[in-house]
Amino acid sequence: GLPVMDSVTHIVPLMVGDPVRAKKIS
């Protein structure tokens, strides 16, 4: 149920939508 973005290549992006939260998760 994680918000993985559509990708047809080797890149697997996971959408967060907020810079502070993205940094916090990292």
PDB file of all heavy atoms in Angstrom:
ATOM      1  N   GLY A   1       0.789  -1.221   0.000  1.00  0.00           N
ATOM      2  CA  GLY A   1       0.000   0.000   0.000  1.00  0.00           C
ATOM      3  C   GLY A   1       0.822   1.272   0.000  1.00  0.00           C
ATOM      4  O   GLY A   1       0.285   2.369   0.197  1.00  0.00           O
ATOM      5  N   LEU A   2       2.110   1.154  -0.227  1.00  0.00           N
ATOM      6  CA  LEU A   2       2.969   2.334  -0.282  1.00  0.00           C
ATOM      7  C   LEU A   2       2.759   3.061  -1.614  1.00  0.00           C
ATOM      8  O   LEU A   2       2.510   2.414  -2.641  1.00  0.00           O
ATOM      9  CB  LEU A   2       4.431   1.926  -0.125  1.00  0.00           C
ATOM     10  CG  LEU A   2       4.817   1.397   1.263  1.00  0.00           C
ATOM     11  CD1 LEU A   2       6.148   0.657   1.209  1.00  0.00           C
ATOM     12  CD2 LEU A   2       4.884   2.554   2.268  1.00  0.00           C
ATOM     13  N   PRO A   3       2.855   4.385  -1.625  1.00  0.00           N
ATOM     14  CA  PRO A   3       2.543   5.164  -2.833  1.00  0.00           C
ATOM     15  C   PRO A   3       3.664   5.140  -3.874  1.00  0.00           C
ATOM     16  O   PRO A   3       4.271   6.167  -4.201  1.00  0.00           O
ATOM     17  CB  PRO A   3       2.311   6.574  -2.287  1.00  0.00           C
ATOM     18  CG  PRO A   3       3.186   6.643  -1.077  1.00  0.00           C
ATOM     19  CD  PRO A   3       3.133   5.267  -0.467  1.00  0.00           C
ATOM     20  N   VAL A   4       3.946   3.971  -4.406  1.00  0.00           N
ATOM     21  CA  VAL A   4       4.973   3.844  -5.437  1.00  0.00           C
ATOM     22  C   VAL A   4       4.437   4.434  -6.737  1.00  0.00           C
ATOM     23  O   VAL A   4       3.300   4.184  -7.142  1.00  0.00           O
ATOM     24  CB  VAL A   4       5.402   2.370  -5.619  1.00  0.00           C
ATOM     25  CG1 VAL A   4       4.227   1.488  -6.001  1.00  0.00           C
ATOM     26  CG2 VAL A   4       6.531   2.254  -6.625  1.00  0.00           C
ATOM     27  N   MET A   5       5.241   5.267  -7.367  1.00  0.00           N
ATOM     28  CA  MET A   5       4.827   5.930  -8.603  1.00  0.00           C
ATOM     29  C   MET A   5       5.005   4.987  -9.788  1.00  0.00           C
ATOM     30  O   MET A   5       5.861   4.103  -9.780  1.00  0.00           O
ATOM     31  CB  MET A   5       5.657   7.194  -8.807  1.00  0.00           C
ATOM     32  CG  MET A   5       5.517   8.207  -7.688  1.00  0.00           C
ATOM     33  SD  MET A   5       6.732   9.559  -7.794  1.00  0.00           S
ATOM     34  CE  MET A   5       6.248  10.347  -9.329  1.00  0.00           C
ATOM     35  N   ASP A   6       4.200   5.185 -10.813  1.00  0.00           N
ATOM     36  CA  ASP A   6       4.327   4.394 -12.028  1.00  0.00           C
ATOM     37  C   ASP A   6       5.705   4.616 -12.642  1.00  0.00           C
ATOM     38  O   ASP A   6       6.164   5.751 -12.773  1.00  0.00           O
ATOM     39  CB  ASP A   6       3.247   4.776 -13.046  1.00  0.00           C
ATOM     40  CG  ASP A   6       1.863   4.299 -12.631  1.00  0.00           C
ATOM     41  OD1 ASP A   6       1.788   3.340 -11.838  1.00  0.00           O
ATOM     42  OD2 ASP A   6       0.874   4.892 -13.090  1.00  0.00           O
ATOM     43  N   SER A   7       6.359   3.547 -13.024  1.00  0.00           N
ATOM     44  CA  SER A   7       7.677   3.639 -13.642  1.00  0.00           C
ATOM     45  C   SER A   7       7.874   2.427 -14.533  1.00  0.00           C
ATOM     46  O   SER A   7       7.572   1.301 -14.132  1.00  0.00           O
ATOM     47  CB  SER A   7       8.770   3.683 -12.568  1.00  0.00           C
ATOM     48  OG  SER A   7      10.044   3.416 -13.120  1.00  0.00           O
ATOM     49  N   VAL A   8       8.367   2.667 -15.736  1.00  0.00           N
ATOM     50  CA  VAL A   8       8.592   1.562 -16.672  1.00  0.00           C
ATOM     51  C   VAL A   8      10.072   1.222 -16.762  1.00  0.00           C
ATOM     52  O   VAL A   8      10.486   0.468 -17.628  1.00  0.00           O
ATOM     53  CB  VAL A   8       8.050   1.914 -18.077  1.00  0.00           C
ATOM     54  CG1 VAL A   8       6.549   2.075 -18.043  1.00  0.00           C
ATOM     55  CG2 VAL A   8       8.726   3.166 -18.626  1.00  0.00           C
ATOM     56  N   THR A   9      10.864   1.795 -15.854  1.00  0.00           N
ATOM     57  CA  THR A   9      12.303   1.563 -15.881  1.00  0.00           C
ATOM     58  C   THR A   9      12.782   1.048 -14.533  1.00  0.00           C
ATOM     59  O   THR A   9      11.996   0.611 -13.700  1.00  0.00           O
ATOM     60  CB  THR A   9      13.051   2.866 -16.237  1.00  0.00           C
ATOM     61  OG1 THR A   9      12.756   3.862 -15.240  1.00  0.00           O
ATOM     62  CG2 THR A   9      12.640   3.378 -17.606  1.00  0.00           C
ATOM     63  N   HIS A  10      14.090   1.131 -14.316  1.00  0.00           N
ATOM     64  CA  HIS A  10      14.725   0.631 -13.097  1.00  0.00           C
ATOM     65  C   HIS A  10      14.551   1.573 -11.914  1.00  0.00           C
ATOM     66  O   HIS A  10      14.906   1.218 -10.794  1.00  0.00           O
ATOM     67  CB  HIS A  10      16.225   0.439 -13.353  1.00  0.00           C
ATOM     68  CG  HIS A  10      16.903   1.712 -13.781  1.00  0.00           C
ATOM     69  ND1 HIS A  10      16.782   2.215 -15.055  1.00  0.00           N
ATOM     70  CD2 HIS A  10      17.682   2.594 -13.101  1.00  0.00           C
ATOM     71  CE1 HIS A  10      17.473   3.351 -15.142  1.00  0.00           C
ATOM     72  NE2 HIS A  10      18.018   3.597 -13.984  1.00  0.00           N
ATOM     73  N   ILE A  11      14.021   2.759 -12.145  1.00  0.00           N
ATOM     74  CA  ILE A  11      13.814   3.741 -11.077  1.00  0.00           C
ATOM     75  C   ILE A  11      12.536   3.402 -10.311  1.00  0.00           C
ATOM     76  O   ILE A  11      11.490   3.150 -10.911  1.00  0.00           O
ATOM     77  CB  ILE A  11      13.689   5.165 -11.654  1.00  0.00           C
ATOM     78  CG1 ILE A  11      14.878   5.493 -12.559  1.00  0.00           C
ATOM     79  CG2 ILE A  11      13.542   6.185 -10.535  1.00  0.00           C
ATOM     80  CD1 ILE A  11      16.201   5.591 -11.863  1.00  0.00           C
ATOM     81  N   VAL A  12      12.619   3.406  -8.970  1.00  0.00           N
ATOM     82  CA  VAL A  12      11.449   3.113  -8.136  1.00  0.00           C
ATOM     83  C   VAL A  12      11.202   4.305  -7.213  1.00  0.00           C
ATOM     84  O   VAL A  12      11.755   4.400  -6.110  1.00  0.00           O
ATOM     85  CB  VAL A  12      11.666   1.834  -7.303  1.00  0.00           C
ATOM     86  CG1 VAL A  12      10.389   1.493  -6.522  1.00  0.00           C
ATOM     87  CG2 VAL A  12      12.075   0.663  -8.189  1.00  0.00           C
ATOM     88  N   PRO A  13      10.373   5.273  -7.650  1.00  0.00           N
ATOM     89  CA  PRO A  13      10.107   6.463  -6.830  1.00  0.00           C
ATOM     90  C   PRO A  13       8.904   6.249  -5.905  1.00  0.00           C
ATOM     91  O   PRO A  13       7.893   5.671  -6.296  1.00  0.00           O
ATOM     92  CB  PRO A  13       9.806   7.543  -7.875  1.00  0.00           C
ATOM     93  CG  PRO A  13       9.581   6.827  -9.179  1.00  0.00           C
ATOM     94  CD  PRO A  13       9.754   5.366  -8.970  1.00  0.00           C
ATOM     95  N   LEU A  14       9.055   6.736  -4.684  1.00  0.00           N
ATOM     96  CA  LEU A  14       7.984   6.626  -3.687  1.00  0.00           C
ATOM     97  C   LEU A  14       7.556   8.052  -3.325  1.00  0.00           C
ATOM     98  O   LEU A  14       8.336   8.830  -2.776  1.00  0.00           O
ATOM     99  CB  LEU A  14       8.517   5.890  -2.454  1.00  0.00           C
ATOM    100  CG  LEU A  14       7.513   5.261  -1.500  1.00  0.00           C
ATOM    101  CD1 LEU A  14       6.644   4.230  -2.207  1.00  0.00           C
ATOM    102  CD2 LEU A  14       8.244   4.618  -0.323  1.00  0.00           C
ATOM    103  N   MET A  15       6.311   8.381  -3.654  1.00  0.00           N
ATOM    104  CA  MET A  15       5.829   9.745  -3.463  1.00  0.00           C
ATOM    105  C   MET A  15       5.622  10.078  -1.985  1.00  0.00           C
ATOM    106  O   MET A  15       5.050   9.286  -1.229  1.00  0.00           O
ATOM    107  CB  MET A  15       4.509   9.944  -4.217  1.00  0.00           C
ATOM    108  CG  MET A  15       3.902  11.323  -4.062  1.00  0.00           C
ATOM    109  SD  MET A  15       4.988  12.652  -4.641  1.00  0.00           S
ATOM    110  CE  MET A  15       4.911  12.413  -6.416  1.00  0.00           C
ATOM    111  N   VAL A  16       6.101  11.259  -1.578  1.00  0.00           N
ATOM    112  CA  VAL A  16       5.877  11.771  -0.224  1.00  0.00           C
ATOM    113  C   VAL A  16       5.077  13.072  -0.307  1.00  0.00           C
ATOM    114  O   VAL A  16       4.093  13.263   0.385  1.00  0.00           O
ATOM    115  CB  VAL A  16       7.211  11.983   0.524  1.00  0.00           C
ATOM    116  CG1 VAL A  16       6.944  12.564   1.917  1.00  0.00           C
ATOM    117  CG2 VAL A  16       7.985  10.676   0.636  1.00  0.00           C
ATOM    118  N   GLY A  17       5.542  13.998  -1.166  1.00  0.00           N
ATOM    119  CA  GLY A  17       4.787  15.228  -1.395  1.00  0.00           C
ATOM    120  C   GLY A  17       5.075  16.357  -0.433  1.00  0.00           C
ATOM    121  O   GLY A  17       4.403  17.389  -0.462  1.00  0.00           O
ATOM    122  N   ASP A  18       6.073  16.174   0.428  1.00  0.00           N
ATOM    123  CA  ASP A  18       6.425  17.209   1.395  1.00  0.00           C
ATOM    124  C   ASP A  18       7.915  17.093   1.711  1.00  0.00           C
ATOM    125  O   ASP A  18       8.387  16.008   2.059  1.00  0.00           O
ATOM    126  CB  ASP A  18       5.604  17.037   2.678  1.00  0.00           C
ATOM    127  CG  ASP A  18       5.989  18.036   3.756  1.00  0.00           C
ATOM    128  OD1 ASP A  18       5.518  19.182   3.684  1.00  0.00           O
ATOM    129  OD2 ASP A  18       6.786  17.669   4.650  1.00  0.00           O
ATOM    130  N   PRO A  19       8.681  18.187   1.603  1.00  0.00           N
ATOM    131  CA  PRO A  19      10.130  18.088   1.786  1.00  0.00           C
ATOM    132  C   PRO A  19      10.548  17.729   3.208  1.00  0.00           C
ATOM    133  O   PRO A  19      11.511  16.987   3.412  1.00  0.00           O
ATOM    134  CB  PRO A  19      10.628  19.488   1.400  1.00  0.00           C
ATOM    135  CG  PRO A  19       9.457  20.391   1.587  1.00  0.00           C
ATOM    136  CD  PRO A  19       8.260  19.559   1.241  1.00  0.00           C
ATOM    137  N   VAL A  20       9.838  18.256   4.198  1.00  0.00           N
ATOM    138  CA  VAL A  20      10.197  17.978   5.593  1.00  0.00           C
ATOM    139  C   VAL A  20       9.954  16.510   5.923  1.00  0.00           C
ATOM    140  O   VAL A  20      10.799  15.845   6.540  1.00  0.00           O
ATOM    141  CB  VAL A  20       9.400  18.901   6.545  1.00  0.00           C
ATOM    142  CG1 VAL A  20       9.685  18.534   7.995  1.00  0.00           C
ATOM    143  CG2 VAL A  20       9.755  20.361   6.276  1.00  0.00           C
ATOM    144  N   ARG A  21       8.821  15.999   5.481  1.00  0.00           N
ATOM    145  CA  ARG A  21       8.529  14.589   5.739  1.00  0.00           C
ATOM    146  C   ARG A  21       9.479  13.665   4.976  1.00  0.00           C
ATOM    147  O   ARG A  21       9.900  12.624   5.496  1.00  0.00           O
ATOM    148  CB  ARG A  21       7.079  14.267   5.354  1.00  0.00           C
ATOM    149  CG  ARG A  21       6.082  14.626   6.440  1.00  0.00           C
ATOM    150  CD  ARG A  21       4.697  14.124   6.115  1.00  0.00           C
ATOM    151  NE  ARG A  21       3.830  14.143   7.273  1.00  0.00           N
ATOM    152  CZ  ARG A  21       2.558  13.768   7.262  1.00  0.00           C
ATOM    153  NH1 ARG A  21       2.014  13.351   6.130  1.00  0.00           N
ATOM    154  NH2 ARG A  21       1.831  13.798   8.365  1.00  0.00           N
ATOM    155  N   ALA A  22       9.804  14.041   3.748  1.00  0.00           N
ATOM    156  CA  ALA A  22      10.731  13.222   2.966  1.00  0.00           C
ATOM    157  C   ALA A  22      12.069  13.094   3.679  1.00  0.00           C
ATOM    158  O   ALA A  22      12.659  12.007   3.767  1.00  0.00           O
ATOM    159  CB  ALA A  22      10.917  13.815   1.572  1.00  0.00           C
ATOM    160  N   LYS A  23      12.558  14.220   4.211  1.00  0.00           N
ATOM    161  CA  LYS A  23      13.820  14.206   4.953  1.00  0.00           C
ATOM    162  C   LYS A  23      13.683  13.405   6.244  1.00  0.00           C
ATOM    163  O   LYS A  23      14.586  12.639   6.639  1.00  0.00           O
ATOM    164  CB  LYS A  23      14.244  15.641   5.273  1.00  0.00           C
ATOM    165  CG  LYS A  23      15.524  15.768   6.083  1.00  0.00           C
ATOM    166  CD  LYS A  23      16.728  15.287   5.296  1.00  0.00           C
ATOM    167  CE  LYS A  23      18.048  15.690   5.974  1.00  0.00           C
ATOM    168  NZ  LYS A  23      18.228  15.125   7.311  1.00  0.00           N
ATOM    169  N   LYS A  24      12.549  13.547   6.914  1.00  0.00           N
ATOM    170  CA  LYS A  24      12.332  12.838   8.171  1.00  0.00           C
ATOM    171  C   LYS A  24      12.303  11.325   7.952  1.00  0.00           C
ATOM    172  O   LYS A  24      12.895  10.564   8.721  1.00  0.00           O
ATOM    173  CB  LYS A  24      11.013  13.309   8.812  1.00  0.00           C
ATOM    174  CG  LYS A  24      10.766  12.765  10.210  1.00  0.00           C
ATOM    175  CD  LYS A  24       9.516  13.381  10.827  1.00  0.00           C
ATOM    176  CE  LYS A  24       9.732  14.851  11.149  1.00  0.00           C
ATOM    177  NZ  LYS A  24       8.575  15.425  11.886  1.00  0.00           N
ATOM    178  N   ILE A  25      11.623  10.888   6.898  1.00  0.00           N
ATOM    179  CA  ILE A  25      11.570   9.448   6.587  1.00  0.00           C
ATOM    180  C   ILE A  25      12.963   8.923   6.303  1.00  0.00           C
ATOM    181  O   ILE A  25      13.366   7.849   6.781  1.00  0.00           O
ATOM    182  CB  ILE A  25      10.637   9.184   5.389  1.00  0.00           C
ATOM    183  CG1 ILE A  25       9.198   9.544   5.747  1.00  0.00           C
ATOM    184  CG2 ILE A  25      10.721   7.716   4.947  1.00  0.00           C
ATOM    185  CD1 ILE A  25       8.257   9.607   4.552  1.00  0.00           C
ATOM    186  N   SER A  26      13.732   9.686   5.523  1.00  0.00           N
ATOM    187  CA  SER A  26      15.104   9.297   5.208  1.00  0.00           C
ATOM    188  C   SER A  26      15.940   9.182   6.482  1.00  0.00           C
ATOM    189  O   SER A  26      16.717   8.223   6.646  1.00  0.00           O
ATOM    190  CB  SER A  26      15.720  10.312   4.251  1.00  0.00           C
ATOM    191  OG  SER A  26      17.080  10.060   4.040  1.00  0.00           O
TER     192      SER A  26
END
